[in-house]
C-alpha atoms as a PDB file:
ATOM      1  CA  MET A   1     -65.777   4.330  56.510  1.00  0.00           C
ATOM      2  CA  ARG A   2     -66.474   6.857  53.778  1.00  0.00           C
ATOM      3  CA  PRO A   3     -68.067   5.410  50.590  1.00  0.00           C
ATOM      4  CA  GLY A   4     -65.216   6.608  48.364  1.00  0.00           C
ATOM      5  CA  ARG A   5     -62.594   4.871  50.453  1.00  0.00           C
ATOM      6  CA  LEU A   6     -64.663   1.678  50.635  1.00  0.00           C
ATOM      7  CA  ILE A   7     -65.059   1.600  46.844  1.00  0.00           C
ATOM      8  CA  ALA A   8     -61.296   2.099  46.370  1.00  0.00           C
ATOM      9  CA  ARG A   9     -60.503  -0.780  48.705  1.00  0.00           C
ATOM     10  CA  LEU A  10     -63.025  -3.059  47.021  1.00  0.00           C
ATOM     11  CA  ALA A  11     -61.539  -2.222  43.614  1.00  0.00           C
ATOM     12  CA  ALA A  12     -58.028  -3.012  44.860  1.00  0.00           C
ATOM     13  CA  LEU A  13     -59.270  -6.326  46.318  1.00  0.00           C
ATOM     14  CA  ILE A  14     -60.894  -7.292  43.009  1.00  0.00           C
ATOM     15  CA  LEU A  15     -57.669  -6.607  41.120  1.00  0.00           C
ATOM     16  CA  ILE A  16     -55.649  -8.735  43.552  1.00  0.00           C
ATOM     17  CA  VAL A  17     -58.144 -11.621  43.249  1.00  0.00           C
ATOM     18  CA  LEU A  18     -57.918 -11.424  39.461  1.00  0.00           C
ATOM     19  CA  GLU A  19     -54.147 -11.566  39.709  1.00  0.00           C
ATOM     20  CA  CYS A  20     -54.340 -14.708  41.829  1.00  0.00           C
ATOM     21  CA  VAL A  21     -56.666 -16.395  39.333  1.00  0.00           C
ATOM     22  CA  VAL A  22     -54.662 -15.565  36.237  1.00  0.00           C
ATOM     23  CA  LYS A  23     -51.336 -16.226  37.974  1.00  0.00           C
ATOM     24  CA  PRO A  24     -49.097 -13.928  35.953  1.00  0.00           C
ATOM     25  CA  CYS A  25     -47.176 -12.913  39.078  1.00  0.00           C
ATOM     26  CA  ARG A  26     -44.008 -10.874  39.020  1.00  0.00           C
ATOM     27  CA  ALA A  27     -41.317 -12.960  37.383  1.00  0.00           C
ATOM     28  CA  THR A  28     -38.915 -14.467  39.883  1.00  0.00           C
ATOM     29  CA  LYS A  29     -35.344 -14.725  38.726  1.00  0.00           C
ATOM     30  CA  VAL A  30     -33.796 -18.096  39.603  1.00  0.00           C
ATOM     31  CA  ALA A  31     -30.135 -17.298  40.115  1.00  0.00           C
ATOM     32  CA  ALA A  32     -27.992 -18.772  37.370  1.00  0.00           C
ATOM     33  CA  THR A  33     -25.246 -19.398  39.926  1.00  0.00           C
ATOM     34  CA  ARG A  34     -27.286 -22.006  41.752  1.00  0.00           C
ATOM     35  CA  ALA A  35     -27.589 -24.577  38.969  1.00  0.00           C
ATOM     36  CA  PRO A  36     -25.042 -26.019  36.532  1.00  0.00           C
ATOM     37  CA  SER A  37     -27.338 -25.363  33.593  1.00  0.00           C
ATOM     38  CA  ARG A  38     -30.563 -23.634  32.722  1.00  0.00           C
ATOM     39  CA  PRO A  39     -32.831 -24.187  29.738  1.00  0.00           C
ATOM     40  CA  SER A  40     -33.592 -21.463  27.253  1.00  0.00           C
ATOM     41  CA  PRO A  41     -36.536 -19.262  28.277  1.00  0.00           C
ATOM     42  CA  THR A  42     -39.933 -20.515  27.268  1.00  0.00           C
ATOM     43  CA  ALA A  43     -42.480 -18.270  25.614  1.00  0.00           C
ATOM     44  CA  PHE A  44     -44.226 -18.027  28.983  1.00  0.00           C
ATOM     45  CA  GLU A  45     -41.007 -16.892  30.712  1.00  0.00           C
ATOM     46  CA  SER A  46     -40.455 -14.266  28.049  1.00  0.00           C
ATOM     47  CA  ALA A  47     -43.997 -13.017  28.517  1.00  0.00           C
ATOM     48  CA  GLN A  48     -43.457 -12.895  32.286  1.00  0.00           C
ATOM     49  CA  ALA A  49     -40.349 -10.752  31.819  1.00  0.00           C
ATOM     50  CA  ASP A  50     -42.383  -8.026  30.141  1.00  0.00           C
ATOM     51  CA  PHE A  51     -45.564  -8.416  32.184  1.00  0.00           C
ATOM     52  CA  VAL A  52     -46.439  -5.744  34.743  1.00  0.00           C
ATOM     53  CA  PRO A  53     -49.397  -6.842  36.885  1.00  0.00           C
ATOM     54  CA  LEU A  54     -52.175  -4.262  36.949  1.00  0.00           C
ATOM     55  CA  TRP A  55     -52.317  -4.003  40.726  1.00  0.00           C
ATOM     56  CA  LEU A  56     -48.518  -3.592  40.935  1.00  0.00           C
ATOM     57  CA  ARG A  57     -48.423  -1.003  38.174  1.00  0.00           C
ATOM     58  CA  PHE A  58     -50.698   1.354  40.084  1.00  0.00           C
ATOM     59  CA  GLN A  59     -49.679   0.744  43.677  1.00  0.00           C
ATOM     60  CA  PRO A  60     -47.701   3.466  45.440  1.00  0.00           C
ATOM     61  CA  PRO A  61     -43.944   2.721  45.383  1.00  0.00           C
ATOM     62  CA  ASP A  62     -43.818   2.266  49.165  1.00  0.00           C
ATOM     63  CA  ALA A  63     -46.696  -0.225  49.157  1.00  0.00           C
ATOM     64  CA  ALA A  64     -44.533  -3.237  48.317  1.00  0.00           C
ATOM     65  CA  GLY A  65     -45.251  -5.045  51.562  1.00  0.00           C
ATOM     66  CA  GLN A  66     -42.688  -3.211  53.681  1.00  0.00           C
ATOM     67  CA  SER A  67     -43.858  -0.787  56.335  1.00  0.00           C
ATOM     68  CA  VAL A  68     -41.715   2.173  57.311  1.00  0.00           C
ATOM     69  CA  ASP A  69     -39.368   1.088  60.116  1.00  0.00           C
ATOM     70  CA  PRO A  70     -38.158   4.097  62.110  1.00  0.00           C
ATOM     71  CA  THR A  71     -35.298   2.045  63.581  1.00  0.00           C
ATOM     72  CA  LEU A  72     -33.663   1.745  60.136  1.00  0.00           C
ATOM     73  CA  PRO A  73     -31.612   4.679  58.787  1.00  0.00           C
ATOM     74  CA  GLN A  74     -33.851   7.108  56.935  1.00  0.00           C
ATOM     75  CA  VAL A  75     -33.462   9.021  53.695  1.00  0.00           C
ATOM     76  CA  ALA A  76     -32.394  12.641  54.271  1.00  0.00           C
ATOM     77  CA  PRO A  77     -35.378  15.021  54.127  1.00  0.00           C
ATOM     78  CA  ALA A  78     -33.707  17.065  51.365  1.00  0.00           C
ATOM     79  CA  ALA A  79     -33.457  13.915  49.213  1.00  0.00           C
ATOM     80  CA  ARG A  80     -37.148  13.030  49.406  1.00  0.00           C
ATOM     81  CA  LYS A  81     -38.489  15.141  46.577  1.00  0.00           C
ATOM     82  CA  PRO A  82     -35.888  15.258  43.747  1.00  0.00           C
ATOM     83  CA  TYR A  83     -36.670  12.251  41.543  1.00  0.00           C
ATOM     84  CA  VAL A  84     -33.771   9.856  40.913  1.00  0.00           C
ATOM     85  CA  ALA A  85     -34.197   6.451  39.271  1.00  0.00           C
ATOM     86  CA  VAL A  86     -31.809   3.577  39.966  1.00  0.00           C
ATOM     87  CA  LEU A  87     -31.769   1.102  37.064  1.00  0.00           C
ATOM     88  CA  VAL A  88     -30.714  -2.553  37.245  1.00  0.00           C
ATOM     89  CA  TRP A  89     -29.520  -4.882  34.477  1.00  0.00           C
ATOM     90  CA  HIS A  90     -28.166  -8.411  34.737  1.00  0.00           C
ATOM     91  CA  ASP A  91     -26.139  -9.774  31.812  1.00  0.00           C
ATOM     92  CA  VAL A  92     -25.510  -8.060  28.458  1.00  0.00           C
ATOM     93  CA  LEU A  93     -24.846 -10.414  25.535  1.00  0.00           C
ATOM     94  CA  PRO A  94     -25.134 -10.443  21.726  1.00  0.00           C
ATOM     95  CA  GLU A  95     -27.983 -12.950  22.137  1.00  0.00           C
ATOM     96  CA  LYS A  96     -29.959 -13.850  25.243  1.00  0.00           C
ATOM     97  CA  GLN A  97     -28.999 -17.009  27.132  1.00  0.00           C
ATOM     98  CA  VAL A  98     -31.747 -16.691  29.764  1.00  0.00           C
ATOM     99  CA  TRP A  99     -34.820 -14.489  29.855  1.00  0.00           C
ATOM    100  CA  PHE A 100     -33.354 -11.864  32.183  1.00  0.00           C
ATOM    101  CA  ASP A 101     -30.395 -11.116  29.887  1.00  0.00           C
ATOM    102  CA  THR A 102     -30.316  -7.928  27.812  1.00  0.00           C
ATOM    103  CA  THR A 103     -29.161  -8.114  24.198  1.00  0.00           C
ATOM    104  CA  LEU A 104     -26.255  -5.921  23.170  1.00  0.00           C
ATOM    105  CA  ALA A 105     -28.431  -4.164  20.613  1.00  0.00           C
ATOM    106  CA  THR A 106     -31.021  -3.323  23.276  1.00  0.00           C
ATOM    107  CA  PHE A 107     -28.349  -2.082  25.683  1.00  0.00           C
ATOM    108  CA  LYS A 108     -26.868   0.185  23.001  1.00  0.00           C
ATOM    109  CA  ALA A 109     -30.314   1.613  22.305  1.00  0.00           C
ATOM    110  CA  GLN A 110     -30.925   2.170  26.023  1.00  0.00           C
ATOM    111  CA  LEU A 111     -27.681   4.091  26.524  1.00  0.00           C
ATOM    112  CA  ALA A 112     -28.449   6.166  23.430  1.00  0.00           C
ATOM    113  CA  ALA A 113     -31.903   6.962  24.854  1.00  0.00           C
ATOM    114  CA  ILE A 114     -30.344   8.077  28.145  1.00  0.00           C
ATOM    115  CA  LYS A 115     -27.978  10.416  26.323  1.00  0.00           C
ATOM    116  CA  SER A 116     -30.489  11.826  23.844  1.00  0.00           C
ATOM    117  CA  GLY A 117     -33.057  12.337  26.616  1.00  0.00           C
ATOM    118  CA  GLY A 118     -30.770  14.700  28.507  1.00  0.00           C
ATOM    119  CA  PHE A 119     -30.431  12.439  31.555  1.00  0.00           C
ATOM    120  CA  HIS A 120     -27.444  12.645  33.889  1.00  0.00           C
ATOM    121  CA  VAL A 121     -25.915   9.344  35.029  1.00  0.00           C
ATOM    122  CA  VAL A 122     -24.471   9.784  38.510  1.00  0.00           C
ATOM    123  CA  SER A 123     -22.230   7.484  40.528  1.00  0.00           C
ATOM    124  CA  LEU A 124     -23.254   5.346  43.474  1.00  0.00           C
ATOM    125  CA  GLN A 125     -21.253   7.634  45.756  1.00  0.00           C
ATOM    126  CA  ASP A 126     -23.171  10.636  44.441  1.00  0.00           C
ATOM    127  CA  LEU A 127     -26.407   8.792  45.184  1.00  0.00           C
ATOM    128  CA  ALA A 128     -25.191   7.878  48.684  1.00  0.00           C
ATOM    129  CA  ASP A 129     -24.301  11.510  49.451  1.00  0.00           C
ATOM    130  CA  HIS A 130     -27.715  12.549  48.152  1.00  0.00           C
ATOM    131  CA  LEU A 131     -29.742  10.015  50.132  1.00  0.00           C
ATOM    132  CA  ILE A 132     -27.706  10.191  53.344  1.00  0.00           C
ATOM    133  CA  LYS A 133     -26.738  13.874  53.483  1.00  0.00           C
ATOM    134  CA  GLY A 134     -29.197  15.524  51.109  1.00  0.00           C
ATOM    135  CA  ALA A 135     -26.437  16.560  48.680  1.00  0.00           C
ATOM    136  CA  PRO A 136     -27.889  17.907  45.419  1.00  0.00           C
ATOM    137  CA  LEU A 137     -27.914  15.976  42.142  1.00  0.00           C
ATOM    138  CA  PRO A 138     -28.136  17.297  38.584  1.00  0.00           C
ATOM    139  CA  GLU A 139     -31.536  17.338  36.910  1.00  0.00           C
ATOM    140  CA  ARG A 140     -32.903  14.081  35.477  1.00  0.00           C
ATOM    141  CA  PRO A 141     -30.516  11.845  37.459  1.00  0.00           C
ATOM    142  CA  LEU A 142     -30.126   8.125  36.814  1.00  0.00           C
ATOM    143  CA  VAL A 143     -27.966   5.479  38.499  1.00  0.00           C
ATOM    144  CA  ILE A 144     -26.784   2.419  36.536  1.00  0.00           C
ATOM    145  CA  THR A 145     -26.366  -0.889  38.383  1.00  0.00           C
ATOM    146  CA  PHE A 146     -25.770  -4.515  37.383  1.00  0.00           C
ATOM    147  CA  ASP A 147     -26.413  -7.643  39.444  1.00  0.00           C
ATOM    148  CA  ASP A 148     -24.627 -11.022  39.364  1.00  0.00           C
ATOM    149  CA  ASN A 149     -21.186 -10.139  37.883  1.00  0.00           C
ATOM    150  CA  ASN A 150     -21.844 -11.985  34.629  1.00  0.00           C
ATOM    151  CA  ARG A 151     -18.892 -11.798  32.248  1.00  0.00           C
ATOM    152  CA  GLY A 152     -20.934 -10.199  29.496  1.00  0.00           C
ATOM    153  CA  LEU A 153     -20.755  -7.027  31.575  1.00  0.00           C
ATOM    154  CA  TYR A 154     -16.974  -6.963  31.180  1.00  0.00           C
ATOM    155  CA  ARG A 155     -16.992  -7.974  27.528  1.00  0.00           C
ATOM    156  CA  TYR A 156     -19.894  -5.930  26.200  1.00  0.00           C
ATOM    157  CA  ALA A 157     -21.323  -3.453  28.732  1.00  0.00           C
ATOM    158  CA  PHE A 158     -18.051  -2.016  30.070  1.00  0.00           C
ATOM    159  CA  PRO A 159     -16.708  -0.823  26.681  1.00  0.00           C
ATOM    160  CA  LEU A 160     -19.977   1.003  26.016  1.00  0.00           C
ATOM    161  CA  LEU A 161     -19.994   2.593  29.464  1.00  0.00           C
ATOM    162  CA  LYS A 162     -16.471   3.871  28.778  1.00  0.00           C
ATOM    163  CA  ARG A 163     -17.562   5.261  25.423  1.00  0.00           C
ATOM    164  CA  TYR A 164     -20.363   7.238  27.071  1.00  0.00           C
ATOM    165  CA  GLY A 165     -18.399   8.039  30.228  1.00  0.00           C
ATOM    166  CA  TYR A 166     -21.208   6.628  32.385  1.00  0.00           C
ATOM    167  CA  PRO A 167     -20.404   5.429  35.927  1.00  0.00           C
ATOM    168  CA  ALA A 168     -21.957   2.145  37.047  1.00  0.00           C
ATOM    169  CA  THR A 169     -21.991  -0.253  39.987  1.00  0.00           C
ATOM    170  CA  LEU A 170     -21.569  -4.026  39.840  1.00  0.00           C
ATOM    171  CA  PHE A 171     -23.104  -6.043  42.681  1.00  0.00           C
ATOM    172  CA  VAL A 172     -21.004  -9.189  43.039  1.00  0.00           C
ATOM    173  CA  HIS A 173     -21.408 -12.553  44.810  1.00  0.00           C
ATOM    174  CA  THR A 174     -17.842 -13.222  45.898  1.00  0.00           C
ATOM    175  CA  ASP A 175     -17.943 -17.048  45.907  1.00  0.00           C
ATOM    176  CA  TYR A 176     -18.529 -16.992  42.144  1.00  0.00           C
ATOM    177  CA  VAL A 177     -15.974 -14.416  41.025  1.00  0.00           C
ATOM    178  CA  GLY A 178     -14.082 -16.027  38.117  1.00  0.00           C
ATOM    179  CA  VAL A 179     -16.217 -19.178  38.352  1.00  0.00           C
ATOM    180  CA  THR A 180     -18.232 -20.599  35.463  1.00  0.00           C
ATOM    181  CA  THR A 181     -21.591 -22.109  36.368  1.00  0.00           C
ATOM    182  CA  SER A 182     -24.351 -21.946  33.770  1.00  0.00           C
ATOM    183  CA  LYS A 183     -22.842 -18.502  33.109  1.00  0.00           C
ATOM    184  CA  GLU A 184     -19.334 -17.106  33.134  1.00  0.00           C
ATOM    185  CA  HIS A 185     -18.483 -14.581  35.819  1.00  0.00           C
ATOM    186  CA  SER A 186     -15.850 -11.863  35.708  1.00  0.00           C
ATOM    187  CA  SER A 187     -12.558 -12.548  37.484  1.00  0.00           C
ATOM    188  CA  TRP A 188     -10.928 -10.420  40.163  1.00  0.00           C
ATOM    189  CA  ASP A 189      -8.453  -9.170  37.557  1.00  0.00           C
ATOM    190  CA  GLU A 190     -11.338  -8.068  35.308  1.00  0.00           C
ATOM    191  CA  LEU A 191     -13.111  -6.405  38.217  1.00  0.00           C
ATOM    192  CA  THR A 192      -9.856  -4.626  39.103  1.00  0.00           C
ATOM    193  CA  GLU A 193      -9.475  -3.402  35.518  1.00  0.00           C
ATOM    194  CA  MET A 194     -13.010  -2.059  35.463  1.00  0.00           C
ATOM    195  CA  GLN A 195     -12.609  -0.358  38.832  1.00  0.00           C
ATOM    196  CA  ARG A 196      -9.342   1.295  37.772  1.00  0.00           C
ATOM    197  CA  SER A 197     -11.212   2.988  34.917  1.00  0.00           C
ATOM    198  CA  GLY A 198     -12.740   5.274  37.528  1.00  0.00           C
ATOM    199  CA  LEU A 199     -16.225   4.459  36.238  1.00  0.00           C
ATOM    200  CA  ILE A 200     -17.004   1.147  37.925  1.00  0.00           C
ATOM    201  CA  THR A 201     -17.765   0.553  41.592  1.00  0.00           C
ATOM    202  CA  VAL A 202     -17.960  -3.014  42.958  1.00  0.00           C
ATOM    203  CA  GLN A 203     -20.328  -3.739  45.833  1.00  0.00           C
ATOM    204  CA  SER A 204     -21.917  -6.761  47.528  1.00  0.00           C
ATOM    205  CA  LEU A 205     -24.529  -9.337  46.515  1.00  0.00           C
ATOM    206  CA  THR A 206     -23.619 -11.747  49.389  1.00  0.00           C
ATOM    207  CA  ALA A 207     -20.978 -14.465  49.176  1.00  0.00           C
ATOM    208  CA  SER A 208     -22.936 -17.470  47.880  1.00  0.00           C
ATOM    209  CA  HIS A 209     -26.138 -15.864  46.525  1.00  0.00           C
ATOM    210  CA  PRO A 210     -28.709 -17.729  48.661  1.00  0.00           C
ATOM    211  CA  ALA A 211     -32.041 -17.886  46.856  1.00  0.00           C
ATOM    212  CA  ASP A 212     -33.931 -16.517  49.862  1.00  0.00           C
ATOM    213  CA  ILE A 213     -31.735 -14.911  52.474  1.00  0.00           C
ATOM    214  CA  ARG A 214     -34.740 -14.561  54.784  1.00  0.00           C
ATOM    215  CA  LYS A 215     -34.673 -18.327  55.417  1.00  0.00           C
ATOM    216  CA  LEU A 216     -31.169 -18.225  56.901  1.00  0.00           C
ATOM    217  CA  SER A 217     -30.382 -17.793  60.567  1.00  0.00           C
ATOM    218  CA  ASP A 218     -29.114 -14.428  61.776  1.00  0.00           C
ATOM    219  CA  ALA A 219     -25.620 -15.893  62.114  1.00  0.00           C
ATOM    220  CA  ASP A 220     -25.622 -17.262  58.561  1.00  0.00           C
ATOM    221  CA  ILE A 221     -26.948 -14.013  57.104  1.00  0.00           C
ATOM    222  CA  LEU A 222     -24.226 -12.041  58.880  1.00  0.00           C
ATOM    223  CA  LYS A 223     -21.640 -14.511  57.605  1.00  0.00           C
ATOM    224  CA  GLU A 224     -22.810 -13.985  54.020  1.00  0.00           C
ATOM    225  CA  LEU A 225     -22.777 -10.217  54.440  1.00  0.00           C
ATOM    226  CA  ARG A 226     -19.438  -9.936  56.227  1.00  0.00           C
ATOM    227  CA  ASN A 227     -17.550 -12.447  54.085  1.00  0.00           C
ATOM    228  CA  SER A 228     -18.634 -10.715  50.888  1.00  0.00           C
ATOM    229  CA  ARG A 229     -17.850  -7.248  52.218  1.00  0.00           C
ATOM    230  CA  ALA A 230     -14.437  -8.271  53.515  1.00  0.00           C
ATOM    231  CA  GLY A 231     -13.562 -10.180  50.345  1.00  0.00           C
ATOM    232  CA  ILE A 232     -14.298  -7.266  48.031  1.00  0.00           C
ATOM    233  CA  ALA A 233     -12.453  -4.800  50.260  1.00  0.00           C
ATOM    234  CA  ARG A 234      -9.411  -7.095  50.477  1.00  0.00           C
ATOM    235  CA  ARG A 235      -9.266  -7.834  46.749  1.00  0.00           C
ATOM    236  CA  LEU A 236     -10.084  -4.381  45.394  1.00  0.00           C
ATOM    237  CA  GLY A 237      -8.977  -2.089  48.203  1.00  0.00           C
ATOM    238  CA  LYS A 238     -12.111   0.049  48.194  1.00  0.00           C
ATOM    239  CA  PRO A 239     -14.835   0.527  50.827  1.00  0.00           C
ATOM    240  CA  VAL A 240     -17.926  -1.646  50.487  1.00  0.00           C
ATOM    241  CA  TYR A 241     -21.022   0.151  51.710  1.00  0.00           C
ATOM    242  CA  ALA A 242     -23.862  -1.001  49.450  1.00  0.00           C
ATOM    243  CA  PHE A 243     -25.763  -4.267  49.137  1.00  0.00           C
ATOM    244  CA  VAL A 244     -28.419  -5.910  46.953  1.00  0.00           C
ATOM    245  CA  TYR A 245     -30.822  -8.550  48.276  1.00  0.00           C
ATOM    246  CA  PRO A 246     -30.450 -11.726  46.178  1.00  0.00           C
ATOM    247  CA  GLU A 247     -33.552 -12.376  44.081  1.00  0.00           C
ATOM    248  CA  ASP A 248     -35.201  -9.374  45.755  1.00  0.00           C
ATOM    249  CA  ASN A 249     -36.039 -11.346  48.905  1.00  0.00           C
ATOM    250  CA  TYR A 250     -35.897  -9.134  51.974  1.00  0.00           C
ATOM    251  CA  ASP A 251     -37.780  -7.992  55.049  1.00  0.00           C
ATOM    252  CA  ALA A 252     -37.235  -5.759  58.077  1.00  0.00           C
ATOM    253  CA  ARG A 253     -35.144  -8.409  59.846  1.00  0.00           C
ATOM    254  CA  THR A 254     -32.719  -8.865  56.968  1.00  0.00           C
ATOM    255  CA  ALA A 255     -32.488  -5.086  56.558  1.00  0.00           C
ATOM    256  CA  GLN A 256     -31.521  -4.732  60.218  1.00  0.00           C
ATOM    257  CA  LEU A 257     -28.801  -7.365  59.759  1.00  0.00           C
ATOM    258  CA  VAL A 258     -27.499  -5.596  56.643  1.00  0.00           C
ATOM    259  CA  ALA A 259     -27.127  -2.438  58.724  1.00  0.00           C
ATOM    260  CA  GLN A 260     -25.487  -4.422  61.527  1.00  0.00           C
ATOM    261  CA  ALA A 261     -22.936  -5.802  59.048  1.00  0.00           C
ATOM    262  CA  GLY A 262     -21.818  -2.259  58.227  1.00  0.00           C
ATOM    263  CA  TYR A 263     -23.639  -1.465  54.994  1.00  0.00           C
ATOM    264  CA  ARG A 264     -25.104   2.025  54.593  1.00  0.00           C
ATOM    265  CA  LEU A 265     -27.320   1.350  51.553  1.00  0.00           C
ATOM    266  CA  ALA A 266     -29.254  -1.670  50.307  1.00  0.00           C
ATOM    267  CA  PHE A 267     -31.303  -2.012  47.119  1.00  0.00           C
ATOM    268  CA  THR A 268     -34.474  -3.834  46.110  1.00  0.00           C
ATOM    269  CA  GLU A 269     -36.313  -4.138  42.800  1.00  0.00           C
ATOM    270  CA  ASP A 270     -39.393  -2.281  43.984  1.00  0.00           C
ATOM    271  CA  TRP A 271     -39.686   0.563  41.504  1.00  0.00           C
ATOM    272  CA  GLY A 272     -39.953   4.236  42.296  1.00  0.00           C
ATOM    273  CA  ASN A 273     -38.043   7.339  43.274  1.00  0.00           C
ATOM    274  CA  ALA A 274     -34.985   6.319  45.275  1.00  0.00           C
ATOM    275  CA  GLY A 275     -35.565   9.348  47.480  1.00  0.00           C
ATOM    276  CA  ALA A 276     -39.045   8.094  48.366  1.00  0.00           C
ATOM    277  CA  SER A 277     -37.750   4.693  49.556  1.00  0.00           C
ATOM    278  CA  PRO A 278     -38.986   3.418  52.942  1.00  0.00           C
ATOM    279  CA  ASN A 279     -35.436   3.759  54.321  1.00  0.00           C
ATOM    280  CA  LEU A 280     -31.783   3.495  53.256  1.00  0.00           C
ATOM    281  CA  LEU A 281     -31.838  -0.310  53.451  1.00  0.00           C
ATOM    282  CA  MET A 282     -34.799  -0.717  51.049  1.00  0.00           C
ATOM    283  CA  ILE A 283     -33.937   1.617  48.184  1.00  0.00           C
ATOM    284  CA  HIS A 284     -36.109   1.454  45.083  1.00  0.00           C
ATOM    285  CA  ARG A 285     -34.724   0.291  41.734  1.00  0.00           C
ATOM    286  CA  TYR A 286     -36.310  -0.109  38.317  1.00  0.00           C
ATOM    287  CA  SER A 287     -35.746  -3.445  36.590  1.00  0.00           C
ATOM    288  CA  ILE A 288     -34.945  -2.574  32.984  1.00  0.00           C
ATOM    289  CA  LEU A 289     -36.585  -5.840  31.867  1.00  0.00           C
ATOM    290  CA  LYS A 290     -40.004  -4.317  32.538  1.00  0.00           C
ATOM    291  CA  ARG A 291     -39.554  -0.669  33.385  1.00  0.00           C
ATOM    292  CA  PHE A 292     -36.750   1.003  31.440  1.00  0.00           C
ATOM    293  CA  ALA A 293     -39.075   3.286  29.494  1.00  0.00           C
ATOM    294  CA  GLN A 294     -41.156   3.934  32.600  1.00  0.00           C
ATOM    295  CA  ALA A 295     -38.080   4.946  34.616  1.00  0.00           C
ATOM    296  CA  LEU A 296     -37.045   7.538  32.043  1.00  0.00           C
ATOM    297  CA  SER A 297     -40.623   8.772  31.743  1.00  0.00           C
ATOM    298  CA  ASP A 298     -41.025   9.075  35.525  1.00  0.00           C
ATOM    299  CA  VAL A 299     -37.825  11.098  35.878  1.00  0.00           C
ATOM    300  CA  ARG A 300     -38.602  13.289  32.856  1.00  0.00           C
ATOM    301  CA  ARG A 301     -42.127  14.000  34.076  1.00  0.00           C
ATOM    302  CA  ALA A 302     -40.906  14.874  37.580  1.00  0.00           C
ATOM    303  CA  TYR A 303     -38.644  17.601  36.173  1.00  0.00           C
ATOM    304  CA  LEU A 304     -41.268  18.914  33.791  1.00  0.00           C
ATOM    305  CA  THR A 305     -43.897  19.314  36.525  1.00  0.00           C
ATOM    306  CA  PRO A 306     -43.489  22.593  38.441  1.00  0.00           C
ATOM    307  CA  ASP A 307     -43.397  22.470  42.226  1.00  0.00           C
ATOM    308  CA  PRO A 308     -46.792  23.303  43.809  1.00  0.00           C
END
């Protein structure tokens, strides 16, 4: 092995060991739907939400533990190079209830930054056409997504999206539509209203939001995937072709089952260019809790740098 490569590997190993000692690992979101109540975030939780581990910050986007699987549908070659960032929020509220919420003031500032920065917000269908067929996108493209169907999205985020004319996608767990747990969730009527605006697309986040879908049997995973997909299609009358892995737990097996259940796209929270994703069932997204500014910077820099 060449000395340069050996030194690089040793440096990476040292960083990983330091991470294990300090234990500031990537914050894991405990789904609010799974417990009747949740305490306010501690100072440590808040610090976790903003922390970006050093080794994760500098790893290549495809080095998130998932090897390229040629049996999964691949990103179109023409979509590999143009940089597009998919952003994910959870709830938007005047004041945070849990650490992964976004305050209304912050959300307003983020939308203003997107507009003033000259970014183009494109729809999920535009992204699908780009990744699957290689269809072109405008320069500096962003995709807005929300997980968990919290009611703050209807009350606070939706009016702002209409004001800006920005399309967005809500990933919904169908067993909790209209149900109040530790958080309120939008009803089918509210989802219908948002969809009829022409700006909002509703897609799947399973039926019951299992904390770790990987621990389920194949039959139970397929049940979650198919029940959610069928429920949304029946209630809203639109095709359901995209999926998000609950709590970002996924592997090659679950991705294969997502494809088997009829989904064409599936999203993670591993950051990076969506076009550089390992495949169409492990598409990169930026969590705005840690990487909103980075996402905009990455897209801006990609369009400022001339092609070699």
